[in-house]
């Protein structure tokens, strides 16, 4: 999604949000495979959110907090690691290799407070900070009943 630096750095006019990502499932947790781009954020800054829409009309929000469950997808060793998520994939591309760096993706798990109610859709929203939230995949973990 867009951030305040995304257009200048990439030349891409990215959207500020993606609304109504269809889900149609119940589950105990939602797993987001994600990262951030064009980073310049301060740890602890809320850079975006996921808004879960339920079949009963309720909504719940999962915050994207830089340093907790979001970090730059280009690994900067000085930046450390996320504190409330897991770095689950590492790779590289020509640009990162030329700088002696790697890329990464982060798995953020959000525990669903309404596991017996169908999540109809999810909104992915940027707060237009210097970081651009990136979303690769969403997985809903079903109850084991």
C-alpha atoms as a PDB file:
ATOM      1  CA  UNK A   1       0.000   0.000   0.000  1.00  0.00           C
ATOM      2  CA  UNK A   2       0.984   3.644  -0.236  1.00  0.00           C
ATOM      3  CA  UNK A   3       3.168   5.457   2.238  1.00  0.00           C
ATOM      4  CA  UNK A   4       4.433   9.020   2.131  1.00  0.00           C
ATOM      5  CA  UNK A   5       7.643   7.921   0.376  1.00  0.00           C
ATOM      6  CA  UNK A   6       6.322   5.212  -1.975  1.00  0.00           C
ATOM      7  CA  UNK A   7       5.663   7.382  -5.042  1.00  0.00           C
ATOM      8  CA  UNK A   8       8.967   9.266  -4.801  1.00  0.00           C
ATOM      9  CA  UNK A   9      11.058   6.134  -4.222  1.00  0.00           C
ATOM     10  CA  UNK A  10       9.344   3.708  -6.604  1.00  0.00           C
ATOM     11  CA  UNK A  11       7.478   5.879  -9.055  1.00  0.00           C
ATOM     12  CA  UNK A  12       4.392   3.752  -8.323  1.00  0.00           C
ATOM     13  CA  UNK A  13       1.054   5.294  -7.338  1.00  0.00           C
ATOM     14  CA  UNK A  14       0.040   2.672  -4.768  1.00  0.00           C
ATOM     15  CA  UNK A  15      -3.460   2.466  -3.234  1.00  0.00           C
ATOM     16  CA  UNK A  16      -4.075   3.700   0.304  1.00  0.00           C
ATOM     17  CA  UNK A  17      -6.195   0.642   1.072  1.00  0.00           C
ATOM     18  CA  UNK A  18      -7.643  -2.567  -0.301  1.00  0.00           C
ATOM     19  CA  UNK A  19     -11.185  -3.003   0.962  1.00  0.00           C
ATOM     20  CA  UNK A  20     -13.387  -6.079   1.059  1.00  0.00           C
ATOM     21  CA  UNK A  21     -10.843  -8.883   0.646  1.00  0.00           C
ATOM     22  CA  UNK A  22     -13.239 -11.874   0.646  1.00  0.00           C
ATOM     23  CA  UNK A  23     -12.817 -14.469   3.406  1.00  0.00           C
ATOM     24  CA  UNK A  24     -16.084 -16.297   4.199  1.00  0.00           C
ATOM     25  CA  UNK A  25     -14.627 -18.479   6.974  1.00  0.00           C
ATOM     26  CA  UNK A  26     -14.675 -18.983  10.732  1.00  0.00           C
ATOM     27  CA  UNK A  27     -11.413 -19.480  12.560  1.00  0.00           C
ATOM     28  CA  UNK A  28      -9.482 -19.156  15.780  1.00  0.00           C
ATOM     29  CA  UNK A  29      -6.682 -17.061  14.254  1.00  0.00           C
ATOM     30  CA  UNK A  30      -5.771 -15.148  11.110  1.00  0.00           C
ATOM     31  CA  UNK A  31      -2.189 -15.356   9.853  1.00  0.00           C
ATOM     32  CA  UNK A  32      -0.830 -12.511   7.722  1.00  0.00           C
ATOM     33  CA  UNK A  33       2.353 -12.913   5.647  1.00  0.00           C
ATOM     34  CA  UNK A  34       3.632  -9.364   5.366  1.00  0.00           C
ATOM     35  CA  UNK A  35       6.409  -6.787   5.530  1.00  0.00           C
ATOM     36  CA  UNK A  36       6.872  -3.069   4.892  1.00  0.00           C
ATOM     37  CA  UNK A  37       8.639  -1.110   2.162  1.00  0.00           C
ATOM     38  CA  UNK A  38      10.207   2.333   1.689  1.00  0.00           C
ATOM     39  CA  UNK A  39      10.856   2.357   5.396  1.00  0.00           C
ATOM     40  CA  UNK A  40      11.687   5.262   7.590  1.00  0.00           C
ATOM     41  CA  UNK A  41       9.343   4.572  10.491  1.00  0.00           C
ATOM     42  CA  UNK A  42      10.039   4.736  14.180  1.00  0.00           C
ATOM     43  CA  UNK A  43       9.578   1.567  16.242  1.00  0.00           C
ATOM     44  CA  UNK A  44       6.160   1.625  17.892  1.00  0.00           C
ATOM     45  CA  UNK A  45       4.508   3.674  15.127  1.00  0.00           C
ATOM     46  CA  UNK A  46       1.167   2.363  13.835  1.00  0.00           C
ATOM     47  CA  UNK A  47       1.593   2.184  10.044  1.00  0.00           C
ATOM     48  CA  UNK A  48      -1.732   0.551   9.145  1.00  0.00           C
ATOM     49  CA  UNK A  49      -4.355  -1.958  10.129  1.00  0.00           C
ATOM     50  CA  UNK A  50      -6.461  -4.917   9.110  1.00  0.00           C
ATOM     51  CA  UNK A  51     -10.190  -4.564   9.732  1.00  0.00           C
ATOM     52  CA  UNK A  52     -12.084  -7.853  10.022  1.00  0.00           C
ATOM     53  CA  UNK A  53     -15.772  -7.705   9.033  1.00  0.00           C
ATOM     54  CA  UNK A  54     -18.019 -10.383  10.532  1.00  0.00           C
ATOM     55  CA  UNK A  55     -21.254 -11.936   9.333  1.00  0.00           C
ATOM     56  CA  UNK A  56     -23.077 -10.476  12.364  1.00  0.00           C
ATOM     57  CA  UNK A  57     -22.121  -6.901  11.371  1.00  0.00           C
ATOM     58  CA  UNK A  58     -19.351  -6.463  13.948  1.00  0.00           C
ATOM     59  CA  UNK A  59     -15.764  -5.460  13.144  1.00  0.00           C
ATOM     60  CA  UNK A  60     -12.434  -6.007  14.891  1.00  0.00           C
ATOM     61  CA  UNK A  61      -9.082  -4.402  14.127  1.00  0.00           C
ATOM     62  CA  UNK A  62      -5.513  -5.709  14.099  1.00  0.00           C
ATOM     63  CA  UNK A  63      -2.923  -2.926  14.233  1.00  0.00           C
ATOM     64  CA  UNK A  64       0.285  -2.955  12.186  1.00  0.00           C
ATOM     65  CA  UNK A  65       2.952  -1.643  14.528  1.00  0.00           C
ATOM     66  CA  UNK A  66       6.437  -0.988  13.160  1.00  0.00           C
ATOM     67  CA  UNK A  67       8.996  -3.020  15.098  1.00  0.00           C
ATOM     68  CA  UNK A  68       6.362  -5.263  16.711  1.00  0.00           C
ATOM     69  CA  UNK A  69       4.692  -7.057  13.793  1.00  0.00           C
ATOM     70  CA  UNK A  70       6.096  -5.118  10.817  1.00  0.00           C
ATOM     71  CA  UNK A  71       9.608  -4.349   9.579  1.00  0.00           C
ATOM     72  CA  UNK A  72      11.215  -3.432   6.293  1.00  0.00           C
ATOM     73  CA  UNK A  73      11.374  -6.333   3.843  1.00  0.00           C
ATOM     74  CA  UNK A  74      15.011  -5.366   3.166  1.00  0.00           C
ATOM     75  CA  UNK A  75      16.885  -6.715   6.182  1.00  0.00           C
ATOM     76  CA  UNK A  76      18.881  -4.051   7.967  1.00  0.00           C
ATOM     77  CA  UNK A  77      20.893  -5.837  10.717  1.00  0.00           C
ATOM     78  CA  UNK A  78      20.988  -2.630  12.780  1.00  0.00           C
ATOM     79  CA  UNK A  79      17.202  -2.607  12.954  1.00  0.00           C
ATOM     80  CA  UNK A  80      16.829  -5.825  14.936  1.00  0.00           C
ATOM     81  CA  UNK A  81      13.829  -8.141  14.811  1.00  0.00           C
ATOM     82  CA  UNK A  82      10.075  -7.949  15.287  1.00  0.00           C
ATOM     83  CA  UNK A  83       8.960  -8.451  18.877  1.00  0.00           C
ATOM     84  CA  UNK A  84       5.380  -9.757  18.401  1.00  0.00           C
ATOM     85  CA  UNK A  85       5.586 -11.774  15.167  1.00  0.00           C
ATOM     86  CA  UNK A  86       7.930 -14.193  13.399  1.00  0.00           C
ATOM     87  CA  UNK A  87      10.359 -13.643  10.556  1.00  0.00           C
ATOM     88  CA  UNK A  88       9.520 -16.726   8.480  1.00  0.00           C
ATOM     89  CA  UNK A  89      11.120 -16.311   5.051  1.00  0.00           C
ATOM     90  CA  UNK A  90      14.427 -14.896   3.847  1.00  0.00           C
ATOM     91  CA  UNK A  91      15.600 -14.420   0.289  1.00  0.00           C
ATOM     92  CA  UNK A  92      17.245 -11.829  -1.903  1.00  0.00           C
ATOM     93  CA  UNK A  93      16.928  -9.952  -5.158  1.00  0.00           C
ATOM     94  CA  UNK A  94      19.520  -8.238  -7.374  1.00  0.00           C
ATOM     95  CA  UNK A  95      19.134  -4.919  -5.539  1.00  0.00           C
ATOM     96  CA  UNK A  96      19.594  -6.404  -2.054  1.00  0.00           C
ATOM     97  CA  UNK A  97      22.460  -8.664  -3.187  1.00  0.00           C
ATOM     98  CA  UNK A  98      24.324  -5.663  -4.623  1.00  0.00           C
ATOM     99  CA  UNK A  99      24.175  -4.090  -1.138  1.00  0.00           C
ATOM    100  CA  UNK A 100      25.028  -7.275   0.771  1.00  0.00           C
ATOM    101  CA  UNK A 101      21.490  -7.441   2.199  1.00  0.00           C
ATOM    102  CA  UNK A 102      18.603  -9.936   2.210  1.00  0.00           C
ATOM    103  CA  UNK A 103      14.819  -9.735   1.981  1.00  0.00           C
ATOM    104  CA  UNK A 104      12.345 -11.141   4.507  1.00  0.00           C
ATOM    105  CA  UNK A 105       8.689 -11.763   5.166  1.00  0.00           C
ATOM    106  CA  UNK A 106       6.998 -11.697   8.542  1.00  0.00           C
ATOM    107  CA  UNK A 107       4.157 -13.861   9.839  1.00  0.00           C
ATOM    108  CA  UNK A 108       1.834 -11.938  12.117  1.00  0.00           C
ATOM    109  CA  UNK A 109      -0.794 -14.060  13.876  1.00  0.00           C
ATOM    110  CA  UNK A 110      -3.935 -12.318  15.108  1.00  0.00           C
ATOM    111  CA  UNK A 111      -6.065 -14.292  17.566  1.00  0.00           C
ATOM    112  CA  UNK A 112      -9.701 -13.986  16.530  1.00  0.00           C
ATOM    113  CA  UNK A 113     -11.937 -12.925  19.446  1.00  0.00           C
ATOM    114  CA  UNK A 114     -15.046 -14.207  17.587  1.00  0.00           C
ATOM    115  CA  UNK A 115     -14.004 -17.685  16.387  1.00  0.00           C
ATOM    116  CA  UNK A 116     -17.590 -18.920  15.960  1.00  0.00           C
ATOM    117  CA  UNK A 117     -18.644 -16.037  13.690  1.00  0.00           C
ATOM    118  CA  UNK A 118     -17.786 -16.032   9.975  1.00  0.00           C
ATOM    119  CA  UNK A 119     -15.278 -13.379   8.873  1.00  0.00           C
ATOM    120  CA  UNK A 120     -16.867 -12.131   5.661  1.00  0.00           C
ATOM    121  CA  UNK A 121     -14.045  -9.826   4.540  1.00  0.00           C
ATOM    122  CA  UNK A 122     -10.895  -7.992   5.569  1.00  0.00           C
ATOM    123  CA  UNK A 123      -9.840  -4.424   4.796  1.00  0.00           C
ATOM    124  CA  UNK A 124      -6.095  -3.660   4.484  1.00  0.00           C
ATOM    125  CA  UNK A 125      -5.440   0.000   5.287  1.00  0.00           C
ATOM    126  CA  UNK A 126      -2.312   2.192   5.244  1.00  0.00           C
ATOM    127  CA  UNK A 127      -2.006   5.107   7.670  1.00  0.00           C
ATOM    128  CA  UNK A 128       0.249   6.894   5.130  1.00  0.00           C
ATOM    129  CA  UNK A 129       3.370   6.978   7.250  1.00  0.00           C
ATOM    130  CA  UNK A 130       6.850   6.766   5.719  1.00  0.00           C
ATOM    131  CA  UNK A 131       6.434   2.962   5.621  1.00  0.00           C
ATOM    132  CA  UNK A 132       4.270   1.185   3.061  1.00  0.00           C
ATOM    133  CA  UNK A 133       2.554  -1.934   4.457  1.00  0.00           C
ATOM    134  CA  UNK A 134       2.883  -5.006   2.203  1.00  0.00           C
ATOM    135  CA  UNK A 135       0.577  -8.043   2.325  1.00  0.00           C
ATOM    136  CA  UNK A 136       1.505 -11.300   0.576  1.00  0.00           C
ATOM    137  CA  UNK A 137      -1.034 -13.808   1.939  1.00  0.00           C
ATOM    138  CA  UNK A 138      -3.818 -14.373   4.476  1.00  0.00           C
ATOM    139  CA  UNK A 139      -4.627 -17.721   6.091  1.00  0.00           C
ATOM    140  CA  UNK A 140      -7.550 -18.341   8.448  1.00  0.00           C
ATOM    141  CA  UNK A 141      -6.818 -21.088  10.987  1.00  0.00           C
ATOM    142  CA  UNK A 142      -9.892 -23.225  11.554  1.00  0.00           C
ATOM    143  CA  UNK A 143     -11.050 -24.544  14.914  1.00  0.00           C
ATOM    144  CA  UNK A 144      -9.984 -28.120  15.601  1.00  0.00           C
ATOM    145  CA  UNK A 145     -13.492 -29.312  16.570  1.00  0.00           C
END
